[in-house]
C-alpha atoms as a PDB file:
ATOM      1  CA  MET A   1      70.687 151.634 186.571  1.00  0.00           C
ATOM      2  CA  SER A   2      73.117 152.444 183.372  1.00  0.00           C
ATOM      3  CA  ASP A   3      71.382 151.957 180.241  1.00  0.00           C
ATOM      4  CA  LEU A   4      74.178 150.916 176.748  1.00  0.00           C
ATOM      5  CA  ILE A   5      74.820 152.831 173.637  1.00  0.00           C
ATOM      6  CA  LYS A   6      77.359 150.367 171.393  1.00  0.00           C
ATOM      7  CA  ILE A   7      79.313 151.418 168.265  1.00  0.00           C
ATOM      8  CA  THR A   8      80.930 148.868 166.867  1.00  0.00           C
ATOM      9  CA  GLY A   9      83.632 148.037 163.812  1.00  0.00           C
ATOM     10  CA  ILE A  10      84.397 151.646 163.145  1.00  0.00           C
ATOM     11  CA  SER A  11      87.363 151.279 160.893  1.00  0.00           C
ATOM     12  CA  ALA A  12      90.097 153.594 159.616  1.00  0.00           C
ATOM     13  CA  LYS A  13      93.711 153.391 158.512  1.00  0.00           C
ATOM     14  CA  GLY A  14      95.993 154.151 160.787  1.00  0.00           C
ATOM     15  CA  PHE A  15      99.926 154.569 161.083  1.00  0.00           C
ATOM     16  CA  HIS A  16     100.669 152.655 164.827  1.00  0.00           C
ATOM     17  CA  GLY A  17     102.847 150.291 165.983  1.00  0.00           C
ATOM     18  CA  VAL A  18     106.235 149.478 167.725  1.00  0.00           C
ATOM     19  CA  PHE A  19     107.875 148.111 164.271  1.00  0.00           C
ATOM     20  CA  PRO A  20     108.809 151.013 161.425  1.00  0.00           C
ATOM     21  CA  SER A  21     107.384 148.794 158.725  1.00  0.00           C
ATOM     22  CA  GLU A  22     104.048 149.680 160.738  1.00  0.00           C
ATOM     23  CA  ARG A  23     104.869 153.117 161.228  1.00  0.00           C
ATOM     24  CA  LYS A  24     105.444 153.734 157.635  1.00  0.00           C
ATOM     25  CA  LYS A  25     103.246 151.358 155.946  1.00  0.00           C
ATOM     26  CA  GLY A  26     100.324 151.768 158.284  1.00  0.00           C
ATOM     27  CA  GLN A  27      96.712 149.374 158.774  1.00  0.00           C
ATOM     28  CA  LYS A  28      93.382 149.125 159.195  1.00  0.00           C
ATOM     29  CA  PHE A  29      92.454 149.170 163.167  1.00  0.00           C
ATOM     30  CA  ILE A  30      88.677 148.838 163.611  1.00  0.00           C
ATOM     31  CA  VAL A  31      87.141 150.023 167.133  1.00  0.00           C
ATOM     32  CA  ASP A  32      84.287 149.124 168.897  1.00  0.00           C
ATOM     33  CA  ILE A  33      82.982 151.648 171.531  1.00  0.00           C
ATOM     34  CA  GLU A  34      80.276 150.836 174.504  1.00  0.00           C
ATOM     35  CA  LEU A  35      78.514 153.771 176.518  1.00  0.00           C
ATOM     36  CA  SER A  36      76.677 153.340 180.124  1.00  0.00           C
ATOM     37  CA  ILE A  37      74.632 155.871 180.486  1.00  0.00           C
ATOM     38  CA  ASN A  38      71.567 156.888 182.205  1.00  0.00           C
ATOM     39  CA  LEU A  39      68.559 156.844 179.500  1.00  0.00           C
ATOM     40  CA  VAL A  40      66.151 156.907 181.623  1.00  0.00           C
ATOM     41  CA  ASN A  41      63.542 159.861 181.028  1.00  0.00           C
ATOM     42  CA  LEU A  42      64.751 160.838 177.405  1.00  0.00           C
ATOM     43  CA  LYS A  43      61.873 162.137 176.273  1.00  0.00           C
ATOM     44  CA  ASP A  44      62.901 161.866 172.387  1.00  0.00           C
ATOM     45  CA  ASP A  45      65.333 164.681 172.922  1.00  0.00           C
ATOM     46  CA  LEU A  46      68.985 164.495 171.824  1.00  0.00           C
ATOM     47  CA  SER A  47      70.750 167.058 174.169  1.00  0.00           C
ATOM     48  CA  LYS A  48      70.085 164.353 176.816  1.00  0.00           C
ATOM     49  CA  THR A  49      71.513 161.598 175.170  1.00  0.00           C
ATOM     50  CA  VAL A  50      75.237 161.399 173.493  1.00  0.00           C
ATOM     51  CA  ASN A  51      75.214 161.947 169.390  1.00  0.00           C
ATOM     52  CA  TYR A  52      76.719 158.369 168.536  1.00  0.00           C
ATOM     53  CA  ALA A  53      78.092 160.203 165.181  1.00  0.00           C
ATOM     54  CA  GLU A  54      80.226 162.273 166.927  1.00  0.00           C
ATOM     55  CA  VAL A  55      81.972 159.252 169.465  1.00  0.00           C
ATOM     56  CA  ALA A  56      82.537 157.414 166.170  1.00  0.00           C
ATOM     57  CA  GLN A  57      84.337 160.579 164.666  1.00  0.00           C
ATOM     58  CA  ILE A  58      86.198 160.470 167.991  1.00  0.00           C
ATOM     59  CA  ALA A  59      87.326 157.155 167.392  1.00  0.00           C
ATOM     60  CA  HIS A  60      88.499 157.320 163.848  1.00  0.00           C
ATOM     61  CA  ASP A  61      90.004 160.917 164.339  1.00  0.00           C
ATOM     62  CA  ASN A  62      92.085 158.815 167.065  1.00  0.00           C
ATOM     63  CA  ILE A  63      93.043 156.206 164.684  1.00  0.00           C
ATOM     64  CA  THR A  64      93.951 158.451 161.840  1.00  0.00           C
ATOM     65  CA  SER A  65      95.686 161.662 163.715  1.00  0.00           C
ATOM     66  CA  LYS A  66      99.565 160.899 165.807  1.00  0.00           C
ATOM     67  CA  PRO A  67     100.616 157.643 165.593  1.00  0.00           C
ATOM     68  CA  VAL A  68     101.304 155.504 168.722  1.00  0.00           C
ATOM     69  CA  LEU A  69     103.439 152.937 169.499  1.00  0.00           C
ATOM     70  CA  LEU A  70     100.581 150.846 171.502  1.00  0.00           C
ATOM     71  CA  VAL A  71      96.788 150.022 170.691  1.00  0.00           C
ATOM     72  CA  GLU A  72      96.935 150.051 174.482  1.00  0.00           C
ATOM     73  CA  THR A  73      97.446 153.709 174.217  1.00  0.00           C
ATOM     74  CA  LEU A  74      95.534 154.662 171.153  1.00  0.00           C
ATOM     75  CA  ALA A  75      92.317 152.770 173.278  1.00  0.00           C
ATOM     76  CA  GLU A  76      92.892 155.033 176.356  1.00  0.00           C
ATOM     77  CA  ASN A  77      93.256 158.000 174.360  1.00  0.00           C
ATOM     78  CA  ILE A  78      90.196 156.641 172.653  1.00  0.00           C
ATOM     79  CA  ALA A  79      88.149 156.443 175.823  1.00  0.00           C
ATOM     80  CA  LYS A  80      89.773 160.104 177.564  1.00  0.00           C
ATOM     81  CA  SER A  81      88.063 161.558 174.709  1.00  0.00           C
ATOM     82  CA  VAL A  82      84.938 160.655 174.997  1.00  0.00           C
ATOM     83  CA  LEU A  83      84.620 160.904 178.736  1.00  0.00           C
ATOM     84  CA  LYS A  84      85.937 164.185 178.394  1.00  0.00           C
ATOM     85  CA  LYS A  85      83.353 165.386 175.736  1.00  0.00           C
ATOM     86  CA  TYR A  86      80.842 163.690 177.394  1.00  0.00           C
ATOM     87  CA  LYS A  87      79.613 164.270 181.383  1.00  0.00           C
ATOM     88  CA  LYS A  88      76.925 162.444 180.847  1.00  0.00           C
ATOM     89  CA  VAL A  89      78.678 158.876 180.169  1.00  0.00           C
ATOM     90  CA  LYS A  90      79.265 157.373 183.336  1.00  0.00           C
ATOM     91  CA  GLN A  91      81.808 154.216 181.597  1.00  0.00           C
ATOM     92  CA  VAL A  92      83.111 153.762 178.257  1.00  0.00           C
ATOM     93  CA  LYS A  93      85.019 150.372 176.932  1.00  0.00           C
ATOM     94  CA  VAL A  94      86.700 150.793 174.215  1.00  0.00           C
ATOM     95  CA  VAL A  95      88.618 147.889 171.972  1.00  0.00           C
ATOM     96  CA  VAL A  96      90.892 148.593 169.639  1.00  0.00           C
ATOM     97  CA  HIS A  97      91.063 145.148 167.440  1.00  0.00           C
ATOM     98  CA  LYS A  98      94.178 145.210 165.057  1.00  0.00           C
ATOM     99  CA  PRO A  99      93.779 142.252 162.327  1.00  0.00           C
ATOM    100  CA  LYS A 100      97.038 142.661 160.296  1.00  0.00           C
ATOM    101  CA  ALA A 101      99.269 142.643 163.610  1.00  0.00           C
ATOM    102  CA  PRO A 102     103.224 141.708 162.951  1.00  0.00           C
ATOM    103  CA  LEU A 103     102.960 138.379 163.924  1.00  0.00           C
ATOM    104  CA  THR A 104     104.504 134.950 162.360  1.00  0.00           C
ATOM    105  CA  LEU A 105     101.816 132.881 163.249  1.00  0.00           C
ATOM    106  CA  LYS A 106      97.913 132.455 161.748  1.00  0.00           C
ATOM    107  CA  PHE A 107      95.566 133.812 163.951  1.00  0.00           C
ATOM    108  CA  LYS A 108      92.377 136.026 163.034  1.00  0.00           C
ATOM    109  CA  ASP A 109      92.893 139.355 165.293  1.00  0.00           C
ATOM    110  CA  VAL A 110      94.233 140.984 168.260  1.00  0.00           C
ATOM    111  CA  SER A 111      92.583 143.963 170.400  1.00  0.00           C
ATOM    112  CA  VAL A 112      92.927 145.357 173.597  1.00  0.00           C
ATOM    113  CA  GLU A 113      89.868 145.986 175.295  1.00  0.00           C
ATOM    114  CA  ILE A 114      89.938 149.302 178.568  1.00  0.00           C
ATOM    115  CA  ILE A 115      87.307 150.217 180.612  1.00  0.00           C
ATOM    116  CA  ARG A 116      87.418 153.474 182.126  1.00  0.00           C
ATOM    117  CA  ASN A 117      84.946 155.070 184.616  1.00  0.00           C
ATOM    118  CA  ARG A 118      84.210 158.422 185.495  1.00  0.00           C
END
């Protein structure tokens, strides 16, 4: 059995992208994270779960840190960081939204979703 912790809408300005203008000007990125974790016998003890404030900070730090070319890489870096810090997490799903991606057509959002298992 696996339970879920979801954090949606973590946003920050990052300088990720293939084009020099993206890396110079920056733009808003939004991250959603879903953690699969066993919460049986939790007994109201934070040490038996995951501190979602820390997970949100991991996403924020990755958005605002060293730029990468691909949002796929950004998603991968976030997933690896979460799995490294929290051994209790069995699976992590990371969705990175890039709502201001440099497309010439009208669109609502571009996103990449990855799932990584322990």
